[in-house]
Amino acid sequence: MTTVKVLNILNGIVKTPTADVLWGAAPIDWCEENLPETNILSIAEFHNSWTNIFYIISGLLLLRSHLRLHSDIRDPLFAFFIFNIIMTGVTSAWFHSTLLFLAQKSDEFFENAAMVSLLYYHVFPLGSSSKIIKYRGACCAVHTLLLGVGVLCIPDLFCEIHLITTVLITFKTGYTRSESLPPHTRSKALHLFKSSFASVGVAFFCWLLDFLLCDFFSPFYLHAFVWHLGTSISLYYGGEASLLISSHPSIGLILKGLQKSREFAAKNKTVDKNNITESAATLIVAPPGLIDQWKAEFEEKEKNSKSLKEKSY
């Protein structure tokens, strides 16, 4: 009897959308009045549609910053993050202009996928000693595929629960990584993360006002001008903070010499060449013959330790 109840509950939660459902009307209709007859493109929610340009601008600005990095530290996961931000703008504009169910789910998918890619970018950063690092791309891809299934087949609350959970974990992980940076860089990264969190907080508050008190706030177009703009700014600040963490030269770079470090800084425009020698790490200079011995002892006694191997002759 218990099994039957569970199956009945799951049957009520998990739904396989038909073609008629996918190309039918979305269950959500936002506060802005639908006036497709007032514009030449027959856009249902005019302001909610065109303001998605903010996401595209945010993505292009992050793409510019990403391309300024040295090719050795450009991360495919961050490029995927940028792609998902831009696609969020495109699909959200599609949704608000047509109010189709498929357009709504496409919007929800890409906004979630953006946070999934940034989550794996922080949890498994390039250069990490974790054994799972080689599978980070595959893990992100599987998570994204399952996300697509969840968004389509569990339409009620899945998107919101998954998105909020992913955002909080990503912010926490990125903020923690920032705290290990040298003072000057740490201060800048933490400021960016705080600005990002503040922006999305204000935007979410206005999203709630627009959703719950539509009759009163409809003249202010809060969803268009605060939610879209605020979340775009939040994504931009969060992305810049993430790039700042990854672009900071490690102590391994300093081991190659000050001149090499300056050459790297000249190629990588996001690195402050006047600040490249700061590091929170401890540099130990030892004969090359001891490196392998120490590494073996670290692996034997502390399986989870992180060590850096650098030989210089």
Protein backbone atom coordinates (compact mmCIF):
# COMPACT_ATOMS: atom_id res chain seq x y z
CA MET A 1 0.00 0.00 0.00
CA THR A 2 2.85 2.35 0.85
CA THR A 3 4.53 1.61 -2.50
CA VAL A 4 1.31 2.40 -4.34
CA LYS A 5 1.01 5.74 -2.51
CA VAL A 6 4.61 6.64 -3.38
CA LEU A 7 4.02 5.77 -7.03
CA ASN A 8 0.85 7.86 -7.07
CA ILE A 9 2.73 10.81 -5.58
CA LEU A 10 5.56 10.45 -8.13
CA ASN A 11 3.01 10.15 -10.92
CA GLY A 12 1.53 13.45 -9.80
CA ILE A 13 4.94 15.15 -9.66
CA VAL A 14 6.70 13.72 -12.72
CA LYS A 15 4.94 14.63 -15.97
CA THR A 16 5.94 13.86 -19.54
CA PRO A 17 4.97 16.89 -21.64
CA THR A 18 3.22 16.23 -24.94
CA ALA A 19 3.74 18.26 -28.10
CA ASP A 20 0.50 20.12 -27.41
CA VAL A 21 1.76 21.07 -23.95
CA LEU A 22 5.22 22.12 -25.20
CA TRP A 23 3.80 24.40 -27.88
CA GLY A 24 0.87 25.52 -25.76
CA ALA A 25 0.51 28.48 -23.42
CA ALA A 26 2.83 28.74 -20.43
CA PRO A 27 1.16 28.46 -17.02
CA ILE A 28 2.91 31.67 -15.91
CA ASP A 29 1.83 35.06 -17.18
CA TRP A 30 3.82 37.91 -15.66
CA CYS A 31 2.54 41.19 -14.33
CA GLU A 32 3.09 43.25 -17.47
CA GLU A 33 -0.07 43.58 -19.54
CA ASN A 34 -0.10 41.51 -22.74
CA LEU A 35 -0.41 43.89 -25.69
CA PRO A 36 0.84 42.10 -28.82
CA GLU A 37 -1.45 44.22 -31.00
CA THR A 38 0.40 47.40 -30.03
CA ASN A 39 3.75 46.55 -31.68
CA ILE A 40 4.79 45.42 -35.13
CA LEU A 41 6.42 42.20 -33.86
CA SER A 42 3.34 41.09 -31.87
CA ILE A 43 5.37 40.83 -28.67
CA ALA A 44 3.18 39.86 -25.73
CA GLU A 45 5.19 41.48 -22.91
CA PHE A 46 7.19 44.23 -24.57
CA HIS A 47 9.35 45.49 -21.68
CA ASN A 48 9.85 42.01 -20.21
CA SER A 49 11.15 40.97 -23.64
CA TRP A 50 13.57 43.69 -24.71
CA THR A 51 15.23 44.04 -21.27
CA ASN A 52 16.75 40.58 -21.72
CA ILE A 53 19.42 42.40 -23.70
CA PHE A 54 21.04 42.95 -20.28
CA TYR A 55 21.92 39.23 -20.07
CA ILE A 56 23.49 39.28 -23.51
CA ILE A 57 25.54 42.37 -22.65
CA SER A 58 26.66 40.76 -19.38
CA GLY A 59 27.72 37.61 -21.22
CA LEU A 60 29.66 39.54 -23.87
CA LEU A 61 31.49 41.59 -21.23
CA LEU A 62 32.50 38.39 -19.43
CA LEU A 63 33.59 36.88 -22.75
CA ARG A 64 35.88 39.86 -23.29
CA SER A 65 37.40 39.37 -19.83
CA HIS A 66 37.78 35.63 -20.43
CA LEU A 67 39.59 36.14 -23.72
CA ARG A 68 42.00 38.55 -22.05
CA LEU A 69 43.26 35.68 -19.89
CA HIS A 70 46.35 33.78 -20.94
CA SER A 71 45.29 30.73 -22.99
CA ASP A 72 46.83 28.39 -20.39
CA ILE A 73 44.26 29.34 -17.74
CA ARG A 74 41.14 29.77 -19.85
CA ASP A 75 38.58 27.32 -18.52
CA PRO A 76 36.03 25.63 -20.84
CA LEU A 77 33.54 25.55 -17.94
CA PHE A 78 33.66 29.33 -17.72
CA ALA A 79 33.11 29.57 -21.47
CA PHE A 80 30.06 27.32 -20.95
CA PHE A 81 28.91 29.66 -18.18
CA ILE A 82 29.09 32.61 -20.59
CA PHE A 83 27.21 30.69 -23.28
CA ASN A 84 24.40 29.89 -20.84
CA ILE A 85 24.10 33.54 -19.74
CA ILE A 86 23.68 34.66 -23.35
CA MET A 87 21.20 31.87 -24.04
CA THR A 88 19.26 32.87 -20.92
CA GLY A 89 18.80 36.29 -22.49
CA VAL A 90 17.72 34.80 -25.83
CA THR A 91 15.27 32.23 -24.40
CA SER A 92 13.84 34.61 -21.80
CA ALA A 93 13.09 37.11 -24.57
CA TRP A 94 11.46 34.28 -26.53
CA PHE A 95 9.33 33.35 -23.53
CA HIS A 96 8.13 36.86 -22.68
CA SER A 97 7.37 37.66 -26.30
CA THR A 98 5.37 34.46 -26.99
CA LEU A 99 4.37 33.08 -23.53
CA LEU A 100 4.92 29.53 -24.81
CA PHE A 101 5.49 26.65 -22.37
CA LEU A 102 8.58 25.43 -24.27
CA ALA A 103 10.06 28.94 -24.23
CA GLN A 104 9.50 29.18 -20.48
CA LYS A 105 11.24 25.84 -19.89
CA SER A 106 14.12 26.83 -22.18
CA ASP A 107 14.60 30.00 -20.14
CA GLU A 108 14.56 28.00 -16.88
CA PHE A 109 17.00 25.44 -18.28
CA PHE A 110 19.66 27.93 -19.36
CA GLU A 111 19.50 30.02 -16.18
CA ASN A 112 20.02 26.83 -14.15
CA ALA A 113 22.74 25.59 -16.52
CA ALA A 114 24.64 28.86 -16.05
CA MET A 115 24.85 28.28 -12.30
CA VAL A 116 25.68 24.57 -12.74
CA SER A 117 28.69 25.42 -14.93
CA LEU A 118 29.92 28.05 -12.45
CA LEU A 119 29.42 25.60 -9.58
CA TYR A 120 31.71 22.98 -11.15
CA TYR A 121 34.15 25.76 -12.10
CA HIS A 122 34.58 26.55 -8.40
CA VAL A 123 34.20 23.11 -6.82
CA PHE A 124 36.73 21.52 -9.19
CA PRO A 125 39.07 24.36 -10.27
CA LEU A 126 41.75 23.76 -12.88
CA GLY A 127 44.98 22.68 -11.21
CA SER A 128 43.19 21.03 -8.30
CA SER A 129 44.82 17.93 -6.84
CA SER A 130 41.46 16.14 -6.67
CA LYS A 131 41.38 12.86 -8.58
CA ILE A 132 37.95 13.74 -10.00
CA ILE A 133 39.35 16.83 -11.74
CA LYS A 134 39.73 14.94 -15.05
CA TYR A 135 36.01 14.14 -14.98
CA ARG A 136 34.77 17.65 -14.12
CA GLY A 137 33.54 18.30 -17.67
CA ALA A 138 31.71 14.97 -17.84
CA CYS A 139 30.14 15.53 -14.40
CA CYS A 140 28.93 18.97 -15.44
CA ALA A 141 27.53 17.56 -18.71
CA VAL A 142 25.62 14.78 -16.90
CA HIS A 143 24.29 17.25 -14.34
CA THR A 144 23.14 19.54 -17.15
CA LEU A 145 21.37 16.71 -18.97
CA LEU A 146 19.57 15.64 -15.79
CA LEU A 147 18.69 19.29 -15.26
CA GLY A 148 16.96 19.34 -18.64
CA VAL A 149 14.91 16.30 -17.68
CA GLY A 150 13.99 17.85 -14.35
CA VAL A 151 12.94 21.18 -15.86
CA LEU A 152 10.67 19.47 -18.42
CA CYS A 153 9.30 16.56 -16.42
CA ILE A 154 9.05 18.11 -12.94
CA PRO A 155 7.67 21.53 -13.88
CA ASP A 156 6.37 22.43 -10.42
CA LEU A 157 9.04 24.05 -8.24
CA PHE A 158 11.98 21.97 -9.56
CA CYS A 159 13.51 24.94 -11.34
CA GLU A 160 13.23 27.26 -8.35
CA ILE A 161 14.51 24.74 -5.77
CA HIS A 162 17.43 23.65 -7.94
CA LEU A 163 18.34 27.22 -8.91
CA ILE A 164 18.32 28.63 -5.38
CA THR A 165 20.30 25.65 -4.02
CA THR A 166 22.91 25.90 -6.78
CA VAL A 167 23.25 29.67 -6.39
CA LEU A 168 23.85 29.42 -2.64
CA ILE A 169 26.43 26.61 -2.95
CA THR A 170 28.22 28.43 -5.78
CA PHE A 171 28.39 31.71 -3.86
CA LYS A 172 29.64 29.92 -0.76
CA THR A 173 32.33 28.01 -2.66
CA GLY A 174 33.53 31.04 -4.61
CA TYR A 175 33.56 33.22 -1.51
CA THR A 176 35.60 30.62 0.38
CA ARG A 177 38.12 30.40 -2.46
CA SER A 178 38.46 34.19 -2.42
CA GLU A 179 39.47 34.18 1.24
CA SER A 180 42.69 32.28 0.44
CA LEU A 181 43.92 34.96 -1.98
CA PRO A 182 46.60 37.56 -1.12
CA PRO A 183 45.22 40.68 0.64
CA HIS A 184 44.90 43.03 -2.33
CA THR A 185 43.29 40.46 -4.65
CA ARG A 186 41.18 38.98 -1.84
CA SER A 187 39.65 42.36 -1.03
CA LYS A 188 38.68 42.96 -4.66
CA ALA A 189 37.26 39.45 -5.17
CA LEU A 190 35.22 39.56 -1.96
CA HIS A 191 33.85 42.99 -2.89
CA LEU A 192 32.73 41.61 -6.26
CA PHE A 193 31.04 38.61 -4.64
CA LYS A 194 29.27 40.82 -2.10
CA SER A 195 28.10 43.16 -4.87
CA SER A 196 26.86 40.15 -6.83
CA PHE A 197 24.92 38.79 -3.86
CA ALA A 198 23.45 42.22 -3.06
CA SER A 199 22.33 42.71 -6.67
CA VAL A 200 20.53 39.37 -6.86
CA GLY A 201 19.01 39.97 -3.40
CA VAL A 202 17.43 43.27 -4.46
CA ALA A 203 16.33 41.74 -7.76
CA PHE A 204 14.70 38.75 -6.04
CA PHE A 205 12.84 41.01 -3.60
CA CYS A 206 11.41 43.00 -6.49
CA TRP A 207 10.60 39.76 -8.33
CA LEU A 208 8.47 38.73 -5.35
CA LEU A 209 6.72 42.11 -5.24
CA ASP A 210 5.94 41.89 -8.94
CA PHE A 211 4.70 38.30 -8.59
CA LEU A 212 2.66 38.61 -5.39
CA LEU A 213 1.40 42.20 -5.59
CA CYS A 214 0.92 42.57 -9.31
CA ASP A 215 -2.08 44.92 -9.16
CA PHE A 216 -0.14 47.50 -7.16
CA PHE A 217 3.30 47.25 -8.79
CA SER A 218 2.36 46.62 -12.43
CA PRO A 219 3.05 50.27 -13.51
CA PHE A 220 6.68 49.94 -12.33
CA TYR A 221 7.67 46.95 -14.52
CA LEU A 222 9.78 45.49 -11.71
CA HIS A 223 10.33 42.18 -13.49
CA ALA A 224 11.71 43.92 -16.57
CA PHE A 225 13.79 46.73 -15.12
CA VAL A 226 14.89 45.35 -11.74
CA TRP A 227 14.87 41.54 -12.01
CA HIS A 228 16.46 41.37 -15.45
CA LEU A 229 18.95 44.17 -14.83
CA GLY A 230 19.76 43.11 -11.26
CA THR A 231 20.40 39.46 -12.08
CA SER A 232 22.48 40.46 -15.12
CA ILE A 233 24.66 42.65 -12.91
CA SER A 234 24.90 39.85 -10.35
CA LEU A 235 26.05 37.36 -13.00
CA TYR A 236 28.62 39.85 -14.28
CA TYR A 237 30.07 40.60 -10.83
CA GLY A 238 30.10 36.92 -9.90
CA GLY A 239 31.81 36.05 -13.16
CA GLU A 240 34.47 38.75 -12.77
CA ALA A 241 35.18 37.59 -9.20
CA SER A 242 35.53 34.01 -10.46
CA LEU A 243 37.97 35.07 -13.18
CA LEU A 244 39.96 37.07 -10.64
CA ILE A 245 40.43 33.96 -8.51
CA SER A 246 41.61 31.84 -11.44
CA SER A 247 43.83 34.50 -12.99
CA HIS A 248 45.85 35.11 -9.84
CA PRO A 249 49.38 33.72 -10.45
CA SER A 250 50.25 30.85 -8.15
CA ILE A 251 53.47 30.33 -6.28
CA GLY A 252 54.41 27.82 -8.96
CA LEU A 253 54.70 30.74 -11.39
CA ILE A 254 56.94 32.67 -9.00
CA LEU A 255 59.26 29.66 -8.81
CA LYS A 256 60.07 30.20 -12.47
CA GLY A 257 61.54 33.59 -11.67
CA LEU A 258 60.44 37.19 -11.51
CA GLN A 259 61.13 37.81 -15.21
CA LYS A 260 58.93 34.87 -16.27
CA SER A 261 56.22 36.12 -13.94
CA ARG A 262 56.35 39.59 -15.47
CA GLU A 263 56.15 38.11 -18.97
CA PHE A 264 53.07 36.15 -17.91
CA ALA A 265 51.50 39.29 -16.44
CA ALA A 266 52.15 41.18 -19.68
CA LYS A 267 50.21 38.53 -21.65
CA ASN A 268 47.47 38.11 -19.08
CA LYS A 269 45.83 41.53 -18.83
CA THR A 270 43.77 40.61 -15.76
CA VAL A 271 46.89 40.16 -13.62
CA ASP A 272 48.23 43.17 -11.74
CA LYS A 273 51.94 43.08 -12.58
CA ASN A 274 52.72 45.27 -9.57
CA ASN A 275 51.20 42.68 -7.27
CA ILE A 276 52.38 39.39 -8.76
CA THR A 277 54.74 38.40 -5.94
CA GLU A 278 52.09 38.33 -3.21
CA SER A 279 51.09 34.82 -2.14
CA ALA A 280 49.39 33.14 0.79
CA ALA A 281 51.43 29.99 0.16
CA THR A 282 54.73 28.98 1.76
CA LEU A 283 57.73 28.64 -0.53
CA ILE A 284 60.26 25.97 0.42
CA VAL A 285 63.54 25.90 -1.51
CA ALA A 286 65.17 22.46 -1.49
CA PRO A 287 67.46 20.28 -3.63
CA PRO A 288 65.58 18.61 -6.52
CA GLY A 289 66.41 15.16 -5.17
CA LEU A 290 64.20 15.70 -2.13
CA ILE A 291 61.06 16.61 -4.08
CA ASP A 292 60.06 13.08 -5.08
CA GLN A 293 60.82 11.75 -1.60
CA TRP A 294 58.65 14.40 0.07
CA LYS A 295 55.87 13.89 -2.45
CA ALA A 296 55.82 10.16 -1.73
CA GLU A 297 55.70 10.79 2.02
CA PHE A 298 52.84 13.28 1.61
CA GLU A 299 50.85 10.78 -0.45
CA GLU A 300 51.48 8.02 2.09
CA LYS A 301 50.67 9.94 5.27
CA GLU A 302 48.12 12.51 4.12
CA LYS A 303 46.01 11.25 1.25
CA ASN A 304 44.05 14.49 1.00
CA SER A 305 46.99 16.90 1.11
CA LYS A 306 47.73 19.29 -1.71
CA SER A 307 51.34 19.52 -2.80
CA LEU A 308 53.14 21.36 -5.58
CA LYS A 309 55.92 19.75 -7.51
CA GLU A 310 58.34 22.08 -9.25
CA LYS A 311 61.85 21.18 -10.37
CA SER A 312 64.44 23.77 -11.32
CA TYR A 313 67.87 22.99 -12.73
